[in-house]
Amino acid sequence: MFSYADSTTVQELPDVLSVSMLASALDFSVSHTHAFIEDMKIPYLRVNKRKVIFKEHLMERLKGKSRLCAIASLAVIKNLPRTFPPYYLKDVFGISNGLSYNLLNVVGFPVIQSRGRCVIDKLLLIEWIESGEVNK
C-alpha cells in the first residue's frame, strides 16, 4: 500500500491531470504513479492512450473517502455551457486540440452534428464520462 500525506502539493495542481503531471507533483516515477492510481482506486478516464484524472476525485481518494462527488459537480464540468464546440475539450480533459477533434470520431462519444457544425451536449458528456470512468 502506498501512502501520501502532502495534500497541499496536490491542491496546487490544475483541475485535470495526466499521469506524468501527477508523477512530478508526487515526486514518483511514472510506473510508480500508475501503481499508486490503481492501489488508491483513483478514478480516471481513458482518452485514447492517456489517463485523465480529475483533481477533485484525486483529493477525495487521498482523504480516504469512498464516495466521490458527481461528475456534474466537478469544477471543470460545472463551468461548461449546455452545448459547446469541440475545442472546449482541451480544458475538460487536458488534451491537445487535435485530440479533442479526434474524440468526435470515437464510437459513442456524444457529438451532435448540425449544419456542418459539431457541438457537444454537456449532459450527454457527463453520461459518457460516467460510463467510461475506471476505479469508481
N, C-alpha and C. Protein backbone atom coordinates (compact mmCIF):
# COMPACT_ATOMS: atom_id res chain seq x y z
N MET A 1 0.84 -1.19 0.00
CA MET A 1 0.00 0.00 0.00
C MET A 1 0.89 1.25 0.00
N PHE A 2 0.55 2.17 -0.85
CA PHE A 2 1.28 3.43 -0.92
C PHE A 2 0.63 4.42 0.02
N SER A 3 1.40 5.37 0.48
CA SER A 3 0.81 6.43 1.28
C SER A 3 1.32 7.77 0.77
N TYR A 4 0.50 8.76 0.92
CA TYR A 4 0.87 10.10 0.50
C TYR A 4 0.17 11.08 1.41
N ALA A 5 0.90 11.97 2.04
CA ALA A 5 0.31 12.85 3.05
C ALA A 5 0.27 14.32 2.66
N ASP A 6 1.07 14.76 1.69
CA ASP A 6 1.18 16.18 1.37
C ASP A 6 0.08 16.61 0.41
N SER A 7 -1.08 16.97 0.93
CA SER A 7 -2.21 17.34 0.07
C SER A 7 -2.07 18.76 -0.47
N THR A 8 -1.23 19.60 0.12
CA THR A 8 -1.08 20.96 -0.39
C THR A 8 -0.45 20.96 -1.78
N THR A 9 0.46 20.03 -2.04
CA THR A 9 1.06 19.92 -3.37
C THR A 9 -0.01 19.58 -4.39
N VAL A 10 -0.90 18.68 -4.04
CA VAL A 10 -1.96 18.25 -4.96
C VAL A 10 -2.98 19.37 -5.15
N GLN A 11 -3.27 20.14 -4.13
CA GLN A 11 -4.24 21.23 -4.25
C GLN A 11 -3.81 22.29 -5.24
N GLU A 12 -2.51 22.45 -5.42
CA GLU A 12 -2.00 23.45 -6.34
C GLU A 12 -2.01 23.00 -7.79
N LEU A 13 -2.34 21.75 -8.04
CA LEU A 13 -2.36 21.22 -9.40
C LEU A 13 -3.59 21.72 -10.16
N PRO A 14 -3.56 21.65 -11.51
CA PRO A 14 -4.75 22.04 -12.29
C PRO A 14 -5.91 21.08 -12.04
N ASP A 15 -7.10 21.44 -12.51
CA ASP A 15 -8.31 20.65 -12.27
C ASP A 15 -8.28 19.28 -12.95
N VAL A 16 -7.51 19.17 -14.03
CA VAL A 16 -7.42 17.92 -14.79
C VAL A 16 -5.95 17.55 -14.90
N LEU A 17 -5.63 16.28 -14.59
CA LEU A 17 -4.23 15.84 -14.55
C LEU A 17 -3.98 14.67 -15.48
N SER A 18 -2.76 14.60 -15.96
CA SER A 18 -2.28 13.41 -16.65
C SER A 18 -1.43 12.64 -15.64
N VAL A 19 -1.07 11.42 -15.98
CA VAL A 19 -0.24 10.62 -15.08
C VAL A 19 1.13 11.27 -14.90
N SER A 20 1.70 11.81 -15.96
CA SER A 20 3.02 12.43 -15.84
C SER A 20 2.98 13.67 -14.95
N MET A 21 1.89 14.46 -15.03
CA MET A 21 1.76 15.63 -14.15
C MET A 21 1.66 15.20 -12.69
N LEU A 22 0.87 14.15 -12.45
CA LEU A 22 0.72 13.65 -11.09
C LEU A 22 2.04 13.07 -10.58
N ALA A 23 2.76 12.38 -11.44
CA ALA A 23 4.04 11.79 -11.05
C ALA A 23 5.03 12.87 -10.62
N SER A 24 5.12 13.95 -11.37
CA SER A 24 6.06 15.00 -10.99
C SER A 24 5.62 15.73 -9.73
N ALA A 25 4.30 15.87 -9.53
CA ALA A 25 3.81 16.52 -8.31
C ALA A 25 4.08 15.68 -7.07
N LEU A 26 3.93 14.36 -7.21
CA LEU A 26 4.15 13.46 -6.07
C LEU A 26 5.61 13.05 -5.93
N ASP A 27 6.43 13.41 -6.91
CA ASP A 27 7.83 13.01 -6.96
C ASP A 27 7.95 11.49 -7.00
N PHE A 28 7.08 10.86 -7.82
CA PHE A 28 7.11 9.43 -8.08
C PHE A 28 7.56 9.21 -9.51
N SER A 29 7.99 8.00 -9.82
CA SER A 29 8.21 7.65 -11.22
C SER A 29 6.84 7.44 -11.86
N VAL A 30 6.80 7.44 -13.18
CA VAL A 30 5.52 7.24 -13.88
C VAL A 30 4.97 5.85 -13.57
N SER A 31 5.81 4.84 -13.58
CA SER A 31 5.32 3.48 -13.29
C SER A 31 4.82 3.37 -11.84
N HIS A 32 5.50 4.02 -10.91
CA HIS A 32 5.05 4.04 -9.51
C HIS A 32 3.71 4.78 -9.40
N THR A 33 3.54 5.83 -10.19
CA THR A 33 2.28 6.59 -10.18
C THR A 33 1.13 5.76 -10.70
N HIS A 34 1.37 4.97 -11.76
CA HIS A 34 0.33 4.06 -12.26
C HIS A 34 -0.09 3.08 -11.16
N ALA A 35 0.89 2.53 -10.45
CA ALA A 35 0.58 1.61 -9.35
C ALA A 35 -0.17 2.32 -8.23
N PHE A 36 0.22 3.55 -7.94
CA PHE A 36 -0.43 4.37 -6.92
C PHE A 36 -1.90 4.60 -7.28
N ILE A 37 -2.17 4.92 -8.54
CA ILE A 37 -3.54 5.16 -9.02
C ILE A 37 -4.39 3.92 -8.83
N GLU A 38 -3.86 2.77 -9.20
CA GLU A 38 -4.61 1.52 -9.05
C GLU A 38 -4.80 1.15 -7.58
N ASP A 39 -3.74 1.28 -6.78
CA ASP A 39 -3.80 0.91 -5.37
C ASP A 39 -4.78 1.78 -4.59
N MET A 40 -4.77 3.08 -4.86
CA MET A 40 -5.65 4.01 -4.16
C MET A 40 -7.04 4.06 -4.79
N LYS A 41 -7.24 3.34 -5.88
CA LYS A 41 -8.51 3.32 -6.61
C LYS A 41 -8.94 4.73 -7.00
N ILE A 42 -7.98 5.48 -7.53
CA ILE A 42 -8.25 6.83 -8.00
C ILE A 42 -8.93 6.72 -9.36
N PRO A 43 -10.13 7.24 -9.50
CA PRO A 43 -10.83 7.11 -10.78
C PRO A 43 -10.16 7.92 -11.88
N TYR A 44 -10.17 7.36 -13.07
CA TYR A 44 -9.62 8.06 -14.23
C TYR A 44 -10.44 7.70 -15.46
N LEU A 45 -10.30 8.51 -16.45
CA LEU A 45 -10.96 8.29 -17.72
C LEU A 45 -9.88 8.05 -18.76
N ARG A 46 -10.02 7.01 -19.53
CA ARG A 46 -9.05 6.73 -20.58
C ARG A 46 -9.47 7.45 -21.85
N VAL A 47 -8.64 8.39 -22.28
CA VAL A 47 -8.87 9.13 -23.52
C VAL A 47 -7.73 8.75 -24.44
N ASN A 48 -8.04 7.95 -25.46
CA ASN A 48 -7.03 7.31 -26.30
C ASN A 48 -6.09 6.54 -25.39
N LYS A 49 -4.82 6.85 -25.37
CA LYS A 49 -3.88 6.12 -24.52
C LYS A 49 -3.61 6.84 -23.21
N ARG A 50 -4.24 7.98 -23.00
CA ARG A 50 -3.99 8.78 -21.80
C ARG A 50 -4.98 8.46 -20.68
N LYS A 51 -4.50 8.61 -19.45
CA LYS A 51 -5.38 8.54 -18.29
C LYS A 51 -5.63 9.97 -17.86
N VAL A 52 -6.90 10.36 -17.79
CA VAL A 52 -7.29 11.69 -17.36
C VAL A 52 -7.84 11.57 -15.95
N ILE A 53 -7.25 12.33 -15.03
CA ILE A 53 -7.64 12.27 -13.62
C ILE A 53 -8.19 13.65 -13.22
N PHE A 54 -9.37 13.65 -12.60
CA PHE A 54 -9.95 14.89 -12.12
C PHE A 54 -9.42 15.14 -10.71
N LYS A 55 -8.91 16.35 -10.48
CA LYS A 55 -8.27 16.67 -9.20
C LYS A 55 -9.20 16.46 -8.02
N GLU A 56 -10.47 16.82 -8.15
CA GLU A 56 -11.40 16.64 -7.02
C GLU A 56 -11.52 15.17 -6.62
N HIS A 57 -11.55 14.28 -7.61
CA HIS A 57 -11.62 12.85 -7.30
C HIS A 57 -10.33 12.37 -6.65
N LEU A 58 -9.21 12.87 -7.12
CA LEU A 58 -7.92 12.52 -6.52
C LEU A 58 -7.88 12.96 -5.06
N MET A 59 -8.30 14.20 -4.79
CA MET A 59 -8.29 14.72 -3.42
C MET A 59 -9.19 13.89 -2.50
N GLU A 60 -10.35 13.51 -3.00
CA GLU A 60 -11.27 12.73 -2.17
C GLU A 60 -10.68 11.37 -1.82
N ARG A 61 -10.02 10.73 -2.79
CA ARG A 61 -9.39 9.43 -2.51
C ARG A 61 -8.23 9.59 -1.54
N LEU A 62 -7.45 10.65 -1.69
CA LEU A 62 -6.33 10.87 -0.77
C LEU A 62 -6.81 11.13 0.66
N LYS A 63 -8.02 11.69 0.78
CA LYS A 63 -8.60 11.92 2.11
C LYS A 63 -9.27 10.67 2.65
N GLY A 64 -9.29 9.59 1.86
CA GLY A 64 -9.85 8.32 2.31
C GLY A 64 -11.34 8.16 2.09
N LYS A 65 -11.95 9.05 1.31
CA LYS A 65 -13.39 8.94 1.06
C LYS A 65 -13.67 7.83 0.07
N SER A 66 -14.73 7.07 0.33
CA SER A 66 -15.10 6.00 -0.60
C SER A 66 -16.10 6.50 -1.63
N ARG A 67 -16.92 7.48 -1.27
CA ARG A 67 -17.87 8.07 -2.22
C ARG A 67 -17.25 9.31 -2.85
N LEU A 68 -17.41 9.41 -4.15
CA LEU A 68 -16.85 10.54 -4.87
C LEU A 68 -17.95 11.51 -5.25
N CYS A 69 -17.57 12.77 -5.46
CA CYS A 69 -18.54 13.75 -5.91
C CYS A 69 -18.97 13.41 -7.34
N ALA A 70 -20.15 13.84 -7.70
CA ALA A 70 -20.69 13.55 -9.03
C ALA A 70 -19.87 14.27 -10.10
N ILE A 71 -19.82 13.68 -11.27
CA ILE A 71 -19.11 14.29 -12.40
C ILE A 71 -19.66 15.69 -12.67
N ALA A 72 -20.97 15.85 -12.60
CA ALA A 72 -21.59 17.15 -12.90
C ALA A 72 -21.16 18.24 -11.93
N SER A 73 -20.70 17.88 -10.74
CA SER A 73 -20.29 18.89 -9.76
C SER A 73 -18.80 19.24 -9.83
N LEU A 74 -18.05 18.56 -10.70
CA LEU A 74 -16.63 18.90 -10.85
C LEU A 74 -16.51 20.29 -11.45
N ALA A 75 -15.57 21.08 -10.98
CA ALA A 75 -15.43 22.46 -11.42
C ALA A 75 -15.25 22.58 -12.93
N VAL A 76 -14.45 21.70 -13.50
CA VAL A 76 -14.17 21.78 -14.93
C VAL A 76 -15.42 21.46 -15.77
N ILE A 77 -16.33 20.66 -15.25
CA ILE A 77 -17.56 20.31 -15.95
C ILE A 77 -18.65 21.35 -15.66
N LYS A 78 -18.74 21.77 -14.42
CA LYS A 78 -19.79 22.71 -14.00
C LYS A 78 -19.73 24.01 -14.79
N ASN A 79 -18.54 24.45 -15.17
CA ASN A 79 -18.38 25.72 -15.86
C ASN A 79 -18.66 25.66 -17.36
N LEU A 80 -18.96 24.48 -17.87
CA LEU A 80 -19.24 24.35 -19.30
C LEU A 80 -20.64 24.84 -19.63
N PRO A 81 -20.84 25.41 -20.82
CA PRO A 81 -22.20 25.76 -21.26
C PRO A 81 -22.97 24.48 -21.62
N ARG A 82 -24.26 24.59 -21.82
CA ARG A 82 -25.13 23.43 -22.13
C ARG A 82 -24.64 22.67 -23.37
N THR A 83 -24.29 23.40 -24.42
CA THR A 83 -23.65 22.81 -25.60
C THR A 83 -22.41 23.64 -25.91
N PHE A 84 -21.40 23.00 -26.44
CA PHE A 84 -20.14 23.69 -26.67
C PHE A 84 -19.38 23.05 -27.83
N PRO A 85 -18.46 23.82 -28.44
CA PRO A 85 -17.67 23.29 -29.55
C PRO A 85 -16.57 22.34 -29.04
N PRO A 86 -16.03 21.51 -29.92
CA PRO A 86 -15.03 20.52 -29.52
C PRO A 86 -13.77 21.08 -28.88
N TYR A 87 -13.35 22.28 -29.24
CA TYR A 87 -12.10 22.79 -28.66
C TYR A 87 -12.20 23.02 -27.15
N TYR A 88 -13.40 23.06 -26.57
CA TYR A 88 -13.54 23.15 -25.12
C TYR A 88 -13.00 21.90 -24.42
N LEU A 89 -12.95 20.79 -25.15
CA LEU A 89 -12.47 19.53 -24.56
C LEU A 89 -11.00 19.62 -24.15
N LYS A 90 -10.26 20.56 -24.73
CA LYS A 90 -8.87 20.76 -24.33
C LYS A 90 -8.79 21.00 -22.83
N ASP A 91 -9.67 21.85 -22.32
CA ASP A 91 -9.66 22.19 -20.90
C ASP A 91 -10.32 21.11 -20.05
N VAL A 92 -11.36 20.48 -20.59
CA VAL A 92 -12.07 19.45 -19.82
C VAL A 92 -11.18 18.25 -19.55
N PHE A 93 -10.44 17.80 -20.58
CA PHE A 93 -9.63 16.60 -20.45
C PHE A 93 -8.13 16.87 -20.41
N GLY A 94 -7.72 18.11 -20.56
CA GLY A 94 -6.29 18.42 -20.56
C GLY A 94 -5.57 17.79 -21.74
N ILE A 95 -6.19 17.83 -22.91
CA ILE A 95 -5.62 17.20 -24.11
C ILE A 95 -5.39 18.25 -25.18
N SER A 96 -4.75 17.85 -26.27
CA SER A 96 -4.47 18.78 -27.36
C SER A 96 -5.73 19.07 -28.17
N ASN A 97 -5.70 20.13 -28.94
CA ASN A 97 -6.82 20.49 -29.79
C ASN A 97 -7.09 19.39 -30.83
N GLY A 98 -6.02 18.83 -31.39
CA GLY A 98 -6.17 17.76 -32.37
C GLY A 98 -6.85 16.53 -31.77
N LEU A 99 -6.45 16.15 -30.57
CA LEU A 99 -7.06 15.00 -29.91
C LEU A 99 -8.52 15.30 -29.56
N SER A 100 -8.82 16.56 -29.26
CA SER A 100 -10.21 16.95 -28.99
C SER A 100 -11.09 16.62 -30.19
N TYR A 101 -10.61 16.95 -31.38
CA TYR A 101 -11.38 16.67 -32.59
C TYR A 101 -11.37 15.19 -32.95
N ASN A 102 -10.32 14.47 -32.60
CA ASN A 102 -10.30 13.02 -32.82
C ASN A 102 -11.35 12.31 -31.97
N LEU A 103 -11.64 12.85 -30.79
CA LEU A 103 -12.65 12.24 -29.93
C LEU A 103 -14.02 12.22 -30.59
N LEU A 104 -14.27 13.15 -31.49
CA LEU A 104 -15.56 13.20 -32.16
C LEU A 104 -15.83 11.94 -32.97
N ASN A 105 -14.78 11.23 -33.36
CA ASN A 105 -14.93 10.02 -34.16
C ASN A 105 -15.00 8.75 -33.33
N VAL A 106 -14.86 8.87 -32.02
CA VAL A 106 -14.94 7.70 -31.14
C VAL A 106 -16.40 7.26 -31.06
N VAL A 107 -16.62 5.97 -31.25
CA VAL A 107 -17.98 5.43 -31.20
C VAL A 107 -18.57 5.68 -29.81
N GLY A 108 -19.75 6.25 -29.79
CA GLY A 108 -20.44 6.52 -28.53
C GLY A 108 -20.16 7.89 -27.94
N PHE A 109 -19.22 8.63 -28.51
CA PHE A 109 -18.94 9.96 -27.98
C PHE A 109 -20.12 10.88 -28.31
N PRO A 110 -20.57 11.70 -27.36
CA PRO A 110 -21.81 12.48 -27.52
C PRO A 110 -21.66 13.75 -28.35
N VAL A 111 -21.45 13.58 -29.64
CA VAL A 111 -21.33 14.73 -30.53
C VAL A 111 -22.64 14.89 -31.31
N ILE A 112 -23.04 16.13 -31.48
CA ILE A 112 -24.24 16.45 -32.25
C ILE A 112 -23.78 17.22 -33.48
N GLN A 113 -24.13 16.70 -34.65
CA GLN A 113 -23.75 17.37 -35.89
C GLN A 113 -24.97 18.05 -36.47
N SER A 114 -24.82 19.33 -36.73
CA SER A 114 -25.93 20.11 -37.26
C SER A 114 -25.39 21.16 -38.22
N ARG A 115 -25.88 21.13 -39.44
CA ARG A 115 -25.49 22.12 -40.46
C ARG A 115 -23.98 22.21 -40.63
N GLY A 116 -23.32 21.07 -40.64
CA GLY A 116 -21.88 21.06 -40.83
C GLY A 116 -21.07 21.47 -39.61
N ARG A 117 -21.74 21.64 -38.48
CA ARG A 117 -21.10 22.04 -37.23
C ARG A 117 -21.18 20.91 -36.24
N CYS A 118 -20.17 20.76 -35.45
CA CYS A 118 -20.18 19.75 -34.39
C CYS A 118 -20.23 20.45 -33.03
N VAL A 119 -21.16 20.03 -32.20
CA VAL A 119 -21.23 20.53 -30.83
C VAL A 119 -21.39 19.34 -29.89
N ILE A 120 -21.05 19.56 -28.64
CA ILE A 120 -21.14 18.51 -27.63
C ILE A 120 -22.15 18.94 -26.59
N ASP A 121 -23.03 18.03 -26.23
CA ASP A 121 -24.03 18.29 -25.21
C ASP A 121 -23.42 17.95 -23.85
N LYS A 122 -23.50 18.88 -22.91
CA LYS A 122 -22.89 18.72 -21.59
C LYS A 122 -23.46 17.51 -20.84
N LEU A 123 -24.78 17.35 -20.83
CA LEU A 123 -25.38 16.24 -20.09
C LEU A 123 -24.99 14.88 -20.68
N LEU A 124 -24.93 14.81 -22.01
CA LEU A 124 -24.50 13.56 -22.65
C LEU A 124 -23.02 13.29 -22.39
N LEU A 125 -22.22 14.35 -22.32
CA LEU A 125 -20.80 14.19 -22.00
C LEU A 125 -20.63 13.63 -20.58
N ILE A 126 -21.42 14.13 -19.65
CA ILE A 126 -21.36 13.64 -18.27
C ILE A 126 -21.69 12.15 -18.23
N GLU A 127 -22.73 11.74 -18.95
CA GLU A 127 -23.09 10.32 -19.00
C GLU A 127 -21.95 9.50 -19.61
N TRP A 128 -21.32 10.03 -20.67
CA TRP A 128 -20.23 9.33 -21.34
C TRP A 128 -19.05 9.17 -20.39
N ILE A 129 -18.72 10.21 -19.63
CA ILE A 129 -17.62 10.13 -18.67
C ILE A 129 -17.94 9.10 -17.59
N GLU A 130 -19.16 9.15 -17.07
CA GLU A 130 -19.54 8.21 -16.00
C GLU A 130 -19.49 6.77 -16.47
N SER A 131 -19.84 6.52 -17.72
CA SER A 131 -19.82 5.15 -18.22
C SER A 131 -18.40 4.66 -18.51
N GLY A 132 -17.46 5.58 -18.73
CA GLY A 132 -16.11 5.18 -19.09
C GLY A 132 -15.08 5.30 -17.99
N GLU A 133 -15.48 5.85 -16.84
CA GLU A 133 -14.52 6.07 -15.76
C GLU A 133 -14.14 4.73 -15.12
N VAL A 134 -12.86 4.57 -14.83
CA VAL A 134 -12.32 3.35 -14.23
C VAL A 134 -12.00 3.63 -12.75
N ASN A 135 -12.10 2.60 -11.92
CA ASN A 135 -11.80 2.69 -10.47
C ASN A 135 -12.82 3.52 -9.72
N LYS A 136 -14.06 3.54 -10.15
CA LYS A 136 -15.07 4.37 -9.46
C LYS A 136 -15.32 3.88 -8.07
